[in-house]
Amino acid sequence: MKSDIHPKYSAVVFRDLASETSFLTKSTVSSKKTIEWEDGNTYPLVEVEISSESHPFYTGKQRIMDSAGRVERFNARFKGFGKK
């Protein structure tokens, strides 16, 4: 590997603004904000709008669309379309 061309890979704390949860992981992202973590060390803080803690797909709180009703309305609307 060439030296001095790769971004710095270090520990970073991500804070989910929607659910107010934080987690420590490694990343190449940098930030001017810092936070003192549970282990007593200070890490850069990156605030994100949504993460796996608040995203509907991961939390199981996603809405199920009424696709059957939409299909029936579409078929009724275009029932005779294209016939001579």
C-alpha atoms as a PDB file:
ATOM      1  CA  MET A   1       0.000   0.000   0.000  1.00  0.00           C
ATOM      2  CA  LYS A   2       1.118   3.521  -0.698  1.00  0.00           C
ATOM      3  CA  SER A   3       1.669   5.643   2.349  1.00  0.00           C
ATOM      4  CA  ASP A   4      -0.202   8.884   3.109  1.00  0.00           C
ATOM      5  CA  ILE A   5      -3.005   8.371   0.558  1.00  0.00           C
ATOM      6  CA  HIS A   6      -5.541   6.553   2.717  1.00  0.00           C
ATOM      7  CA  PRO A   7      -7.907   8.330   5.141  1.00  0.00           C
ATOM      8  CA  LYS A   8      -7.352   7.881   8.866  1.00  0.00           C
ATOM      9  CA  TYR A   9      -9.374   4.929  10.227  1.00  0.00           C
ATOM     10  CA  SER A  10     -10.180   5.419  13.894  1.00  0.00           C
ATOM     11  CA  ALA A  11     -12.861   5.038  16.566  1.00  0.00           C
ATOM     12  CA  VAL A  12     -15.853   7.392  16.222  1.00  0.00           C
ATOM     13  CA  VAL A  13     -19.111   7.774  18.169  1.00  0.00           C
ATOM     14  CA  PHE A  14     -22.287   8.042  16.087  1.00  0.00           C
ATOM     15  CA  ARG A  15     -25.352   9.597  17.750  1.00  0.00           C
ATOM     16  CA  ASP A  16     -28.806   8.972  16.292  1.00  0.00           C
ATOM     17  CA  LEU A  17     -30.785  12.196  16.660  1.00  0.00           C
ATOM     18  CA  ALA A  18     -34.147  10.460  16.202  1.00  0.00           C
ATOM     19  CA  SER A  19     -33.750   7.912  19.000  1.00  0.00           C
ATOM     20  CA  GLU A  20     -31.013   9.583  21.095  1.00  0.00           C
ATOM     21  CA  THR A  21     -28.862   6.440  21.050  1.00  0.00           C
ATOM     22  CA  SER A  22     -25.117   6.403  20.516  1.00  0.00           C
ATOM     23  CA  PHE A  23     -22.711   3.711  19.419  1.00  0.00           C
ATOM     24  CA  LEU A  24     -18.955   3.465  19.124  1.00  0.00           C
ATOM     25  CA  THR A  25     -17.476   2.069  15.923  1.00  0.00           C
ATOM     26  CA  LYS A  26     -14.565   2.614  13.583  1.00  0.00           C
ATOM     27  CA  SER A  27     -14.832   4.876  10.572  1.00  0.00           C
ATOM     28  CA  THR A  28     -12.879   7.196   8.287  1.00  0.00           C
ATOM     29  CA  VAL A  29     -15.274  10.103   8.893  1.00  0.00           C
ATOM     30  CA  SER A  30     -13.981  13.048  10.904  1.00  0.00           C
ATOM     31  CA  SER A  31     -15.721  15.601  13.087  1.00  0.00           C
ATOM     32  CA  LYS A  32     -14.847  18.668  15.125  1.00  0.00           C
ATOM     33  CA  LYS A  33     -17.331  17.684  17.849  1.00  0.00           C
ATOM     34  CA  THR A  34     -16.128  15.312  20.558  1.00  0.00           C
ATOM     35  CA  ILE A  35     -17.734  13.286  23.305  1.00  0.00           C
ATOM     36  CA  GLU A  36     -16.450  11.426  26.344  1.00  0.00           C
ATOM     37  CA  TRP A  37     -17.476   7.783  25.995  1.00  0.00           C
ATOM     38  CA  GLU A  38     -18.305   5.255  28.729  1.00  0.00           C
ATOM     39  CA  ASP A  39     -14.702   4.030  28.839  1.00  0.00           C
ATOM     40  CA  GLY A  40     -13.450   7.519  29.773  1.00  0.00           C
ATOM     41  CA  ASN A  41     -11.808   8.238  26.421  1.00  0.00           C
ATOM     42  CA  THR A  42     -12.741  11.158  24.161  1.00  0.00           C
ATOM     43  CA  TYR A  43     -13.849  10.347  20.603  1.00  0.00           C
ATOM     44  CA  PRO A  44     -15.077  12.396  17.636  1.00  0.00           C
ATOM     45  CA  LEU A  45     -18.886  12.682  17.556  1.00  0.00           C
ATOM     46  CA  VAL A  46     -20.910  12.345  14.350  1.00  0.00           C
ATOM     47  CA  GLU A  47     -24.631  13.098  14.592  1.00  0.00           C
ATOM     48  CA  VAL A  48     -26.888  11.297  12.114  1.00  0.00           C
ATOM     49  CA  GLU A  49     -30.577  11.828  11.387  1.00  0.00           C
ATOM     50  CA  ILE A  50     -31.434   8.127  11.256  1.00  0.00           C
ATOM     51  CA  SER A  51     -29.684   4.832  11.987  1.00  0.00           C
ATOM     52  CA  SER A  52     -30.637   1.207  12.507  1.00  0.00           C
ATOM     53  CA  GLU A  53     -32.036   2.182  15.935  1.00  0.00           C
ATOM     54  CA  SER A  54     -34.720   4.438  14.450  1.00  0.00           C
ATOM     55  CA  HIS A  55     -35.192   3.286  10.830  1.00  0.00           C
ATOM     56  CA  PRO A  56     -38.636   1.678  10.320  1.00  0.00           C
ATOM     57  CA  PHE A  57     -37.188  -1.297   8.414  1.00  0.00           C
ATOM     58  CA  TYR A  58     -34.951  -2.325  11.329  1.00  0.00           C
ATOM     59  CA  THR A  59     -37.381  -1.491  14.128  1.00  0.00           C
ATOM     60  CA  GLY A  60     -40.329  -3.341  12.551  1.00  0.00           C
ATOM     61  CA  LYS A  61     -42.559  -0.270  12.689  1.00  0.00           C
ATOM     62  CA  GLN A  62     -42.942   0.134   8.949  1.00  0.00           C
ATOM     63  CA  ARG A  63     -46.306   0.791   7.376  1.00  0.00           C
ATOM     64  CA  ILE A  64     -47.820  -1.806   5.071  1.00  0.00           C
ATOM     65  CA  MET A  65     -49.446  -0.282   2.023  1.00  0.00           C
ATOM     66  CA  ASP A  66     -52.902  -1.373   0.889  1.00  0.00           C
ATOM     67  CA  SER A  67     -51.703  -2.703  -2.451  1.00  0.00           C
ATOM     68  CA  ALA A  68     -54.734  -4.955  -3.036  1.00  0.00           C
ATOM     69  CA  GLY A  69     -57.125  -2.001  -2.981  1.00  0.00           C
ATOM     70  CA  ARG A  70     -54.920  -0.011  -5.341  1.00  0.00           C
ATOM     71  CA  VAL A  71     -54.697  -2.863  -7.843  1.00  0.00           C
ATOM     72  CA  GLU A  72     -58.451  -3.336  -7.814  1.00  0.00           C
ATOM     73  CA  ARG A  73     -59.040   0.385  -8.390  1.00  0.00           C
ATOM     74  CA  PHE A  74     -56.518   0.399 -11.248  1.00  0.00           C
ATOM     75  CA  ASN A  75     -58.161  -2.616 -12.910  1.00  0.00           C
ATOM     76  CA  ALA A  76     -61.627  -1.077 -12.525  1.00  0.00           C
ATOM     77  CA  ARG A  77     -60.470   2.221 -13.966  1.00  0.00           C
ATOM     78  CA  PHE A  78     -58.827   0.728 -17.041  1.00  0.00           C
ATOM     79  CA  LYS A  79     -61.189  -2.222 -17.495  1.00  0.00           C
ATOM     80  CA  GLY A  80     -62.051  -1.525 -21.115  1.00  0.00           C
ATOM     81  CA  PHE A  81     -58.833   0.207 -22.137  1.00  0.00           C
ATOM     82  CA  GLY A  82     -57.457  -0.957 -25.469  1.00  0.00           C
ATOM     83  CA  LYS A  83     -60.559  -2.841 -26.616  1.00  0.00           C
ATOM     84  CA  LYS A  84     -62.256  -1.920 -29.882  1.00  0.00           C
END
